[in-house]
Amino acid sequence: MKTKRIILAVSGASGTVYATALVRELGGRDDVDLHVIISDAARKVMALETDLPPDALTRGATAIHAPDDISAPPASGSWLHDGMIICPCSMATLSAVATGFGHTLIHRAADVTLKERKKLILVPRETPLSAIHLQNMLTADQAGAIVLPASPGFYHRPVTIEDLADQLAGKILDQLDIPHTLFKRWGE
């Protein structure tokens, strides 16, 4: 089985529980080469909304890239990868992606992912959404990104927050054709 190289970027929106679900599933897998970028704001938000240790976002990662390291491999189109997830995706990060104007490694890696025609999955968690947010989502979608809002389903009868996070993480992994058993599918 081919190893998939995946970039997971965590920006400063609420919802780091979704990113930790992805790391739990992808970290240390033989078929995934996981590269993680965590913004400074994401670290602050995670500390505010969870009791998880800081390494919960990096356990099992192949590499951890500093958010200000514009010379890191994900900043270059010659560095091959199979897709990028920004989860959660803040509205500021969404704006940078939609306009192609950014100053961090997360912004640059997303720009490279789009220009190289790789899958870019944006997981916004904001609510309500303004017309500007919606326009940025549309613009990102038209540029080739997949906008996958952090809207977990309930048909699998979640009991815990982890159940909700796992279901959304599974939907993200489906977009990258990465097999998983994170939730029970409809009709199963």
N, C-alpha and C. Protein backbone atom coordinates (compact mmCIF):
# COMPACT_ATOMS: atom_id res chain seq x y z
N MET A 1 0.85 -1.19 0.00
CA MET A 1 0.00 0.00 0.00
C MET A 1 0.89 1.25 0.00
N LYS A 2 0.55 2.20 -0.86
CA LYS A 2 1.31 3.44 -0.95
C LYS A 2 1.09 4.29 0.30
N THR A 3 2.17 4.86 0.78
CA THR A 3 2.08 5.79 1.90
C THR A 3 1.60 7.14 1.38
N LYS A 4 0.60 7.70 2.06
CA LYS A 4 0.10 9.03 1.69
C LYS A 4 0.76 10.07 2.58
N ARG A 5 1.28 11.11 1.96
CA ARG A 5 1.86 12.22 2.71
C ARG A 5 0.78 13.28 2.86
N ILE A 6 0.41 13.55 4.10
CA ILE A 6 -0.68 14.46 4.42
C ILE A 6 -0.18 15.59 5.31
N ILE A 7 -0.60 16.81 4.99
CA ILE A 7 -0.31 17.97 5.84
C ILE A 7 -1.56 18.25 6.67
N LEU A 8 -1.40 18.35 7.97
CA LEU A 8 -2.48 18.78 8.85
C LEU A 8 -2.08 20.11 9.46
N ALA A 9 -2.81 21.15 9.11
CA ALA A 9 -2.57 22.48 9.68
C ALA A 9 -3.70 22.78 10.65
N VAL A 10 -3.33 23.30 11.81
CA VAL A 10 -4.31 23.63 12.85
C VAL A 10 -4.24 25.14 13.05
N SER A 11 -5.32 25.84 12.70
CA SER A 11 -5.33 27.29 12.86
C SER A 11 -6.10 27.65 14.13
N GLY A 12 -6.25 28.93 14.39
CA GLY A 12 -6.72 29.40 15.68
C GLY A 12 -8.21 29.45 15.92
N ALA A 13 -8.99 28.69 15.19
CA ALA A 13 -10.43 28.65 15.45
C ALA A 13 -10.74 27.66 16.56
N SER A 14 -11.89 27.82 17.16
CA SER A 14 -12.36 26.84 18.13
C SER A 14 -12.58 25.51 17.40
N GLY A 15 -12.32 24.41 18.08
CA GLY A 15 -12.55 23.10 17.47
C GLY A 15 -11.30 22.25 17.35
N THR A 16 -10.30 22.50 18.20
CA THR A 16 -9.09 21.68 18.13
C THR A 16 -9.38 20.21 18.43
N VAL A 17 -10.52 19.92 19.04
CA VAL A 17 -10.91 18.53 19.29
C VAL A 17 -10.99 17.76 17.97
N TYR A 18 -11.36 18.42 16.89
CA TYR A 18 -11.41 17.76 15.58
C TYR A 18 -10.00 17.42 15.10
N ALA A 19 -9.08 18.34 15.29
CA ALA A 19 -7.69 18.08 14.88
C ALA A 19 -7.09 16.94 15.70
N THR A 20 -7.40 16.90 16.99
CA THR A 20 -6.85 15.81 17.82
C THR A 20 -7.42 14.46 17.38
N ALA A 21 -8.67 14.43 16.91
CA ALA A 21 -9.24 13.19 16.39
C ALA A 21 -8.48 12.74 15.14
N LEU A 22 -8.12 13.69 14.29
CA LEU A 22 -7.34 13.35 13.10
C LEU A 22 -5.96 12.81 13.48
N VAL A 23 -5.32 13.45 14.44
CA VAL A 23 -3.99 13.00 14.87
C VAL A 23 -4.08 11.61 15.50
N ARG A 24 -5.11 11.37 16.30
CA ARG A 24 -5.30 10.04 16.90
C ARG A 24 -5.40 8.97 15.81
N GLU A 25 -6.09 9.29 14.73
CA GLU A 25 -6.29 8.32 13.66
C GLU A 25 -5.08 8.18 12.74
N LEU A 26 -4.43 9.29 12.42
CA LEU A 26 -3.36 9.27 11.43
C LEU A 26 -1.96 9.09 12.01
N GLY A 27 -1.75 9.60 13.22
CA GLY A 27 -0.41 9.56 13.82
C GLY A 27 0.08 8.14 14.02
N GLY A 28 1.23 7.84 13.48
CA GLY A 28 1.83 6.53 13.66
C GLY A 28 1.35 5.46 12.70
N ARG A 29 0.43 5.77 11.80
CA ARG A 29 -0.02 4.77 10.82
C ARG A 29 1.07 4.51 9.81
N ASP A 30 1.19 3.27 9.37
CA ASP A 30 2.20 2.90 8.37
C ASP A 30 1.88 3.46 6.99
N ASP A 31 0.61 3.72 6.73
CA ASP A 31 0.22 4.17 5.40
C ASP A 31 0.07 5.68 5.28
N VAL A 32 0.45 6.41 6.34
CA VAL A 32 0.33 7.88 6.33
C VAL A 32 1.62 8.51 6.86
N ASP A 33 2.12 9.47 6.10
CA ASP A 33 3.27 10.29 6.48
C ASP A 33 2.67 11.64 6.87
N LEU A 34 2.52 11.89 8.19
CA LEU A 34 1.78 13.05 8.69
C LEU A 34 2.71 14.21 9.03
N HIS A 35 2.47 15.35 8.39
CA HIS A 35 3.22 16.58 8.65
C HIS A 35 2.26 17.58 9.29
N VAL A 36 2.63 18.10 10.45
CA VAL A 36 1.73 18.95 11.23
C VAL A 36 2.29 20.37 11.34
N ILE A 37 1.41 21.35 11.16
CA ILE A 37 1.72 22.77 11.35
C ILE A 37 0.67 23.32 12.31
N ILE A 38 1.09 23.89 13.42
CA ILE A 38 0.15 24.41 14.41
C ILE A 38 0.43 25.89 14.60
N SER A 39 -0.59 26.71 14.39
CA SER A 39 -0.40 28.15 14.60
C SER A 39 -0.31 28.45 16.09
N ASP A 40 0.27 29.59 16.41
CA ASP A 40 0.36 30.01 17.82
C ASP A 40 -1.03 30.18 18.41
N ALA A 41 -1.95 30.74 17.62
CA ALA A 41 -3.32 30.93 18.10
C ALA A 41 -3.99 29.59 18.38
N ALA A 42 -3.70 28.57 17.58
CA ALA A 42 -4.29 27.24 17.80
C ALA A 42 -3.85 26.67 19.14
N ARG A 43 -2.59 26.87 19.47
CA ARG A 43 -2.10 26.37 20.77
C ARG A 43 -2.84 27.07 21.92
N LYS A 44 -3.07 28.37 21.78
CA LYS A 44 -3.78 29.12 22.82
C LYS A 44 -5.23 28.66 22.94
N VAL A 45 -5.89 28.47 21.80
CA VAL A 45 -7.28 28.03 21.81
C VAL A 45 -7.39 26.64 22.41
N MET A 46 -6.47 25.76 22.05
CA MET A 46 -6.51 24.40 22.59
C MET A 46 -6.39 24.41 24.11
N ALA A 47 -5.52 25.25 24.63
CA ALA A 47 -5.35 25.34 26.09
C ALA A 47 -6.62 25.87 26.76
N LEU A 48 -7.35 26.75 26.08
CA LEU A 48 -8.58 27.31 26.63
C LEU A 48 -9.75 26.33 26.60
N GLU A 49 -9.83 25.51 25.54
CA GLU A 49 -11.02 24.69 25.38
C GLU A 49 -10.86 23.21 25.71
N THR A 50 -9.63 22.78 26.03
CA THR A 50 -9.44 21.37 26.40
C THR A 50 -8.45 21.26 27.56
N ASP A 51 -8.39 20.08 28.12
CA ASP A 51 -7.38 19.76 29.12
C ASP A 51 -6.31 18.85 28.53
N LEU A 52 -6.27 18.77 27.21
CA LEU A 52 -5.32 17.88 26.55
C LEU A 52 -3.91 18.43 26.64
N PRO A 53 -2.92 17.54 26.68
CA PRO A 53 -1.53 18.00 26.68
C PRO A 53 -1.18 18.56 25.30
N PRO A 54 -0.21 19.46 25.23
CA PRO A 54 0.16 20.07 23.95
C PRO A 54 0.53 19.06 22.86
N ASP A 55 1.10 17.91 23.25
CA ASP A 55 1.50 16.94 22.23
C ASP A 55 0.33 16.15 21.65
N ALA A 56 -0.88 16.41 22.11
CA ALA A 56 -2.06 15.73 21.54
C ALA A 56 -2.24 16.07 20.07
N LEU A 57 -1.67 17.18 19.63
CA LEU A 57 -1.77 17.57 18.21
C LEU A 57 -0.59 17.08 17.38
N THR A 58 0.36 16.41 18.00
CA THR A 58 1.55 16.01 17.26
C THR A 58 1.95 14.54 17.44
N ARG A 59 1.28 13.82 18.32
CA ARG A 59 1.65 12.42 18.59
C ARG A 59 1.64 11.60 17.32
N GLY A 60 2.76 10.96 17.05
CA GLY A 60 2.85 10.09 15.89
C GLY A 60 3.11 10.80 14.58
N ALA A 61 3.25 12.12 14.61
CA ALA A 61 3.52 12.86 13.38
C ALA A 61 4.92 12.54 12.88
N THR A 62 5.07 12.50 11.57
CA THR A 62 6.37 12.29 10.96
C THR A 62 7.24 13.53 11.13
N ALA A 63 6.61 14.70 11.00
CA ALA A 63 7.33 15.97 11.13
C ALA A 63 6.39 17.03 11.66
N ILE A 64 6.96 17.95 12.41
CA ILE A 64 6.23 19.11 12.94
C ILE A 64 6.95 20.34 12.41
N HIS A 65 6.22 21.20 11.71
CA HIS A 65 6.81 22.38 11.09
C HIS A 65 6.35 23.64 11.83
N ALA A 66 7.27 24.54 12.09
CA ALA A 66 6.95 25.81 12.75
C ALA A 66 6.08 26.65 11.82
N PRO A 67 5.07 27.33 12.37
CA PRO A 67 4.16 28.09 11.52
C PRO A 67 4.80 29.28 10.81
N ASP A 68 5.95 29.72 11.28
CA ASP A 68 6.62 30.86 10.64
C ASP A 68 7.79 30.42 9.75
N ASP A 69 7.98 29.12 9.55
CA ASP A 69 9.10 28.60 8.76
C ASP A 69 8.71 28.48 7.29
N ILE A 70 8.83 29.57 6.58
CA ILE A 70 8.45 29.61 5.17
C ILE A 70 9.40 28.78 4.30
N SER A 71 10.52 28.33 4.85
CA SER A 71 11.44 27.49 4.08
C SER A 71 11.19 26.00 4.34
N ALA A 72 10.18 25.64 5.12
CA ALA A 72 9.86 24.24 5.40
C ALA A 72 9.38 23.55 4.11
N PRO A 73 9.54 22.26 4.00
CA PRO A 73 9.15 21.55 2.77
C PRO A 73 7.74 21.84 2.26
N PRO A 74 6.70 21.93 3.11
CA PRO A 74 5.36 22.18 2.56
C PRO A 74 5.20 23.52 1.84
N ALA A 75 6.19 24.41 1.94
CA ALA A 75 6.12 25.70 1.26
C ALA A 75 6.49 25.62 -0.22
N SER A 76 6.94 24.45 -0.67
CA SER A 76 7.41 24.31 -2.04
C SER A 76 6.56 23.33 -2.84
N GLY A 77 6.28 23.70 -4.07
CA GLY A 77 5.55 22.81 -4.96
C GLY A 77 6.35 21.60 -5.38
N SER A 78 7.67 21.64 -5.24
CA SER A 78 8.48 20.47 -5.60
C SER A 78 8.47 19.40 -4.51
N TRP A 79 7.95 19.74 -3.34
CA TRP A 79 7.79 18.76 -2.25
C TRP A 79 6.43 18.10 -2.45
N LEU A 80 6.45 16.84 -2.80
CA LEU A 80 5.20 16.16 -3.15
C LEU A 80 4.42 15.73 -1.92
N HIS A 81 3.12 15.93 -1.98
CA HIS A 81 2.23 15.44 -0.94
C HIS A 81 0.89 15.08 -1.57
N ASP A 82 0.05 14.42 -0.80
CA ASP A 82 -1.21 13.92 -1.32
C ASP A 82 -2.42 14.74 -0.91
N GLY A 83 -2.24 15.71 -0.04
CA GLY A 83 -3.35 16.54 0.36
C GLY A 83 -3.06 17.28 1.64
N MET A 84 -3.87 18.30 1.89
CA MET A 84 -3.71 19.14 3.07
C MET A 84 -5.07 19.37 3.71
N ILE A 85 -5.08 19.32 5.03
CA ILE A 85 -6.27 19.59 5.83
C ILE A 85 -5.98 20.81 6.70
N ILE A 86 -6.87 21.78 6.73
CA ILE A 86 -6.77 22.86 7.71
C ILE A 86 -7.97 22.69 8.63
N CYS A 87 -7.69 22.22 9.83
CA CYS A 87 -8.75 21.85 10.77
C CYS A 87 -8.35 22.18 12.20
N PRO A 88 -9.08 23.04 12.87
CA PRO A 88 -10.12 23.88 12.32
C PRO A 88 -9.50 24.99 11.48
N CYS A 89 -10.31 25.55 10.61
CA CYS A 89 -9.86 26.64 9.74
C CYS A 89 -10.50 27.94 10.21
N SER A 90 -9.68 28.83 10.73
CA SER A 90 -10.20 30.13 11.19
C SER A 90 -10.64 30.96 9.98
N MET A 91 -11.45 31.95 10.22
CA MET A 91 -11.90 32.83 9.14
C MET A 91 -10.74 33.64 8.58
N ALA A 92 -9.76 33.97 9.41
CA ALA A 92 -8.57 34.68 8.92
C ALA A 92 -7.78 33.79 7.97
N THR A 93 -7.64 32.51 8.33
CA THR A 93 -6.93 31.58 7.45
C THR A 93 -7.72 31.35 6.17
N LEU A 94 -9.02 31.20 6.29
CA LEU A 94 -9.87 31.06 5.10
C LEU A 94 -9.68 32.25 4.17
N SER A 95 -9.65 33.45 4.72
CA SER A 95 -9.46 34.65 3.92
C SER A 95 -8.11 34.62 3.19
N ALA A 96 -7.07 34.21 3.90
CA ALA A 96 -5.74 34.13 3.28
C ALA A 96 -5.73 33.10 2.15
N VAL A 97 -6.39 31.98 2.35
CA VAL A 97 -6.46 30.95 1.31
C VAL A 97 -7.25 31.46 0.11
N ALA A 98 -8.40 32.07 0.37
CA ALA A 98 -9.27 32.54 -0.71
C ALA A 98 -8.62 33.62 -1.56
N THR A 99 -7.81 34.45 -0.95
CA THR A 99 -7.19 35.56 -1.68
C THR A 99 -5.78 35.24 -2.16
N GLY A 100 -5.20 34.14 -1.68
CA GLY A 100 -3.82 33.82 -2.04
C GLY A 100 -2.82 34.74 -1.39
N PHE A 101 -3.25 35.43 -0.35
CA PHE A 101 -2.37 36.38 0.33
C PHE A 101 -2.19 35.93 1.77
N GLY A 102 -1.00 35.53 2.09
CA GLY A 102 -0.75 35.09 3.46
C GLY A 102 0.70 35.26 3.82
N HIS A 103 0.98 35.08 5.10
CA HIS A 103 2.34 35.30 5.57
C HIS A 103 2.85 34.18 6.47
N THR A 104 2.10 33.08 6.58
CA THR A 104 2.54 31.97 7.43
C THR A 104 2.74 30.73 6.58
N LEU A 105 3.35 29.72 7.17
CA LEU A 105 3.53 28.46 6.47
C LEU A 105 2.19 27.81 6.14
N ILE A 106 1.22 27.95 7.02
CA ILE A 106 -0.11 27.39 6.73
C ILE A 106 -0.67 28.02 5.45
N HIS A 107 -0.61 29.34 5.35
CA HIS A 107 -1.12 30.03 4.17
C HIS A 107 -0.36 29.61 2.91
N ARG A 108 0.97 29.59 3.00
CA ARG A 108 1.79 29.24 1.84
C ARG A 108 1.56 27.79 1.42
N ALA A 109 1.51 26.87 2.38
CA ALA A 109 1.29 25.46 2.05
C ALA A 109 -0.08 25.27 1.38
N ALA A 110 -1.09 26.00 1.85
CA ALA A 110 -2.41 25.91 1.23
C ALA A 110 -2.37 26.44 -0.20
N ASP A 111 -1.68 27.55 -0.40
CA ASP A 111 -1.54 28.13 -1.73
C ASP A 111 -0.84 27.15 -2.67
N VAL A 112 0.22 26.52 -2.19
CA VAL A 112 0.96 25.53 -2.97
C VAL A 112 0.06 24.33 -3.28
N THR A 113 -0.69 23.89 -2.30
CA THR A 113 -1.59 22.74 -2.50
C THR A 113 -2.58 23.03 -3.61
N LEU A 114 -3.15 24.22 -3.63
CA LEU A 114 -4.09 24.59 -4.69
C LEU A 114 -3.40 24.68 -6.04
N LYS A 115 -2.25 25.33 -6.10
CA LYS A 115 -1.60 25.51 -7.40
C LYS A 115 -1.10 24.20 -7.98
N GLU A 116 -0.79 23.24 -7.11
CA GLU A 116 -0.34 21.93 -7.56
C GLU A 116 -1.51 20.97 -7.79
N ARG A 117 -2.72 21.48 -7.63
CA ARG A 117 -3.95 20.72 -7.86
C ARG A 117 -4.07 19.49 -6.96
N LYS A 118 -3.65 19.66 -5.71
CA LYS A 118 -3.81 18.62 -4.69
C LYS A 118 -5.07 18.94 -3.89
N LYS A 119 -5.55 17.97 -3.14
CA LYS A 119 -6.75 18.21 -2.33
C LYS A 119 -6.42 19.08 -1.12
N LEU A 120 -7.20 20.14 -0.97
CA LEU A 120 -7.11 21.03 0.18
C LEU A 120 -8.48 21.02 0.85
N ILE A 121 -8.52 20.55 2.09
CA ILE A 121 -9.77 20.45 2.82
C ILE A 121 -9.77 21.50 3.92
N LEU A 122 -10.72 22.41 3.85
CA LEU A 122 -10.86 23.48 4.83
C LEU A 122 -12.03 23.13 5.74
N VAL A 123 -11.79 23.18 7.05
CA VAL A 123 -12.83 22.80 8.02
C VAL A 123 -13.16 24.01 8.90
N PRO A 124 -14.02 24.91 8.38
CA PRO A 124 -14.40 26.07 9.18
C PRO A 124 -15.38 25.67 10.29
N ARG A 125 -15.31 26.36 11.42
CA ARG A 125 -16.19 26.04 12.54
C ARG A 125 -16.98 27.27 12.99
N GLU A 126 -16.81 28.36 12.36
CA GLU A 126 -17.45 29.62 12.75
C GLU A 126 -18.97 29.57 12.57
N THR A 127 -19.68 30.28 13.44
CA THR A 127 -21.12 30.43 13.28
C THR A 127 -21.58 31.64 14.08
N PRO A 128 -22.48 32.47 13.59
CA PRO A 128 -23.01 32.46 12.24
C PRO A 128 -21.95 32.93 11.24
N LEU A 129 -22.29 32.80 9.97
CA LEU A 129 -21.37 33.19 8.91
C LEU A 129 -21.82 34.51 8.28
N SER A 130 -20.86 35.39 8.05
CA SER A 130 -21.17 36.65 7.38
C SER A 130 -21.09 36.45 5.87
N ALA A 131 -21.54 37.44 5.13
CA ALA A 131 -21.44 37.39 3.67
C ALA A 131 -19.98 37.29 3.24
N ILE A 132 -19.08 37.93 3.98
CA ILE A 132 -17.65 37.85 3.66
C ILE A 132 -17.15 36.42 3.84
N HIS A 133 -17.53 35.77 4.95
CA HIS A 133 -17.13 34.38 5.17
C HIS A 133 -17.63 33.49 4.04
N LEU A 134 -18.91 33.65 3.69
CA LEU A 134 -19.50 32.83 2.64
C LEU A 134 -18.83 33.07 1.29
N GLN A 135 -18.51 34.33 1.00
CA GLN A 135 -17.82 34.64 -0.25
C GLN A 135 -16.44 34.01 -0.27
N ASN A 136 -15.73 34.07 0.84
CA ASN A 136 -14.40 33.45 0.91
C ASN A 136 -14.49 31.94 0.73
N MET A 137 -15.53 31.31 1.30
CA MET A 137 -15.71 29.87 1.10
C MET A 137 -15.97 29.56 -0.36
N LEU A 138 -16.83 30.35 -1.00
CA LEU A 138 -17.12 30.15 -2.42
C LEU A 138 -15.86 30.34 -3.26
N THR A 139 -15.10 31.38 -2.98
CA THR A 139 -13.87 31.64 -3.73
C THR A 139 -12.88 30.49 -3.55
N ALA A 140 -12.71 30.01 -2.32
CA ALA A 140 -11.81 28.88 -2.07
C ALA A 140 -12.29 27.63 -2.80
N ASP A 141 -13.59 27.38 -2.78
CA ASP A 141 -14.15 26.23 -3.49
C ASP A 141 -13.89 26.35 -4.99
N GLN A 142 -14.11 27.53 -5.54
CA GLN A 142 -13.90 27.73 -6.97
C GLN A 142 -12.43 27.58 -7.35
N ALA A 143 -11.53 27.80 -6.39
CA ALA A 143 -10.09 27.62 -6.64
C ALA A 143 -9.68 26.16 -6.50
N GLY A 144 -10.60 25.31 -6.02
CA GLY A 144 -10.29 23.89 -5.93
C GLY A 144 -10.31 23.31 -4.53
N ALA A 145 -10.51 24.14 -3.52
CA ALA A 145 -10.56 23.63 -2.14
C ALA A 145 -11.89 22.92 -1.88
N ILE A 146 -11.88 22.05 -0.91
CA ILE A 146 -13.09 21.40 -0.43
C ILE A 146 -13.43 22.05 0.90
N VAL A 147 -14.59 22.67 0.98
CA VAL A 147 -15.03 23.30 2.23
C VAL A 147 -15.92 22.29 2.95
N LEU A 148 -15.43 21.80 4.08
CA LEU A 148 -16.12 20.77 4.84
C LEU A 148 -16.37 21.33 6.24
N PRO A 149 -17.51 21.99 6.43
CA PRO A 149 -17.78 22.63 7.72
C PRO A 149 -17.79 21.64 8.88
N ALA A 150 -17.39 22.09 10.02
CA ALA A 150 -17.39 21.25 11.23
C ALA A 150 -18.82 21.09 11.71
N SER A 151 -19.57 20.28 10.98
CA SER A 151 -20.98 20.01 11.27
C SER A 151 -21.15 18.50 11.38
N PRO A 152 -20.85 17.93 12.53
CA PRO A 152 -20.93 16.47 12.65
C PRO A 152 -22.37 15.98 12.52
N GLY A 153 -22.50 14.74 12.06
CA GLY A 153 -23.81 14.12 11.93
C GLY A 153 -24.24 13.47 13.24
N PHE A 154 -25.50 13.11 13.30
CA PHE A 154 -26.03 12.50 14.51
C PHE A 154 -26.68 11.14 14.24
N TYR A 155 -26.70 10.70 12.98
CA TYR A 155 -27.32 9.42 12.65
C TYR A 155 -26.57 8.23 13.26
N HIS A 156 -25.31 8.42 13.63
CA HIS A 156 -24.54 7.33 14.26
C HIS A 156 -24.71 7.32 15.78
N ARG A 157 -25.60 8.17 16.27
CA ARG A 157 -25.96 8.25 17.69
C ARG A 157 -24.75 8.47 18.60
N PRO A 158 -24.10 9.61 18.45
CA PRO A 158 -22.93 9.90 19.28
C PRO A 158 -23.31 10.03 20.75
N VAL A 159 -22.41 9.58 21.60
CA VAL A 159 -22.62 9.66 23.04
C VAL A 159 -21.66 10.67 23.66
N THR A 160 -20.46 10.76 23.10
CA THR A 160 -19.43 11.63 23.66
C THR A 160 -18.99 12.67 22.64
N ILE A 161 -18.27 13.66 23.13
CA ILE A 161 -17.68 14.66 22.22
C ILE A 161 -16.71 13.96 21.28
N GLU A 162 -15.99 12.96 21.78
CA GLU A 162 -15.06 12.21 20.94
C GLU A 162 -15.80 11.52 19.78
N ASP A 163 -17.00 11.00 20.03
CA ASP A 163 -17.80 10.40 18.95
C ASP A 163 -18.09 11.42 17.86
N LEU A 164 -18.45 12.64 18.26
CA LEU A 164 -18.73 13.70 17.29
C LEU A 164 -17.47 14.07 16.51
N ALA A 165 -16.36 14.20 17.22
CA ALA A 165 -15.09 14.55 16.57
C ALA A 165 -14.64 13.45 15.61
N ASP A 166 -14.80 12.20 16.03
CA ASP A 166 -14.40 11.08 15.17
C ASP A 166 -15.23 11.02 13.89
N GLN A 167 -16.53 11.30 13.99
CA GLN A 167 -17.37 11.27 12.80
C GLN A 167 -16.91 12.33 11.80
N LEU A 168 -16.63 13.52 12.28
CA LEU A 168 -16.16 14.57 11.38
C LEU A 168 -14.78 14.23 10.82
N ALA A 169 -13.89 13.71 11.66
CA ALA A 169 -12.56 13.31 11.18
C ALA A 169 -12.69 12.25 10.09
N GLY A 170 -13.62 11.33 10.26
CA GLY A 170 -13.85 10.31 9.25
C GLY A 170 -14.32 10.90 7.93
N LYS A 171 -15.19 11.89 8.00
CA LYS A 171 -15.65 12.56 6.77
C LYS A 171 -14.48 13.26 6.06
N ILE A 172 -13.57 13.82 6.83
CA ILE A 172 -12.39 14.46 6.25
C ILE A 172 -11.52 13.41 5.56
N LEU A 173 -11.27 12.30 6.25
CA LEU A 173 -10.43 11.24 5.68
C LEU A 173 -11.05 10.63 4.44
N ASP A 174 -12.39 10.56 4.39
CA ASP A 174 -13.06 10.08 3.17
C ASP A 174 -12.66 10.92 1.97
N GLN A 175 -12.52 12.23 2.15
CA GLN A 175 -12.14 13.12 1.05
C GLN A 175 -10.74 12.82 0.51
N LEU A 176 -9.90 12.24 1.36
CA LEU A 176 -8.52 11.92 0.97
C LEU A 176 -8.35 10.44 0.63
N ASP A 177 -9.46 9.71 0.59
CA ASP A 177 -9.43 8.27 0.30
C ASP A 177 -8.53 7.50 1.27
N ILE A 178 -8.60 7.89 2.54
CA ILE A 178 -7.85 7.20 3.59
C ILE A 178 -8.83 6.33 4.36
N PRO A 179 -8.63 5.01 4.33
CA PRO A 179 -9.57 4.12 5.02
C PRO A 179 -9.55 4.32 6.54
N HIS A 180 -10.72 4.12 7.14
CA HIS A 180 -10.85 4.29 8.59
C HIS A 180 -12.12 3.59 9.06
N THR A 181 -12.24 3.46 10.37
CA THR A 181 -13.46 2.92 10.98
C THR A 181 -13.91 3.85 12.11
N LEU A 182 -13.86 5.14 11.86
CA LEU A 182 -14.15 6.13 12.89
C LEU A 182 -15.63 6.28 13.21
N PHE A 183 -16.49 5.88 12.30
CA PHE A 183 -17.93 5.99 12.57
C PHE A 183 -18.67 4.94 11.75
N LYS A 184 -19.88 4.66 12.16
CA LYS A 184 -20.74 3.73 11.44
C LYS A 184 -21.42 4.49 10.31
N ARG A 185 -21.28 3.97 9.10
CA ARG A 185 -21.85 4.64 7.93
C ARG A 185 -23.36 4.39 7.84
N TRP A 186 -24.02 5.31 7.17
CA TRP A 186 -25.46 5.21 6.99
C TRP A 186 -25.79 3.87 6.33
N GLY A 187 -26.74 3.17 6.88
CA GLY A 187 -27.18 1.90 6.31
C GLY A 187 -26.35 0.70 6.73
N GLU A 188 -25.31 0.91 7.52
CA GLU A 188 -24.47 -0.22 7.96
C GLU A 188 -24.92 -0.71 9.32
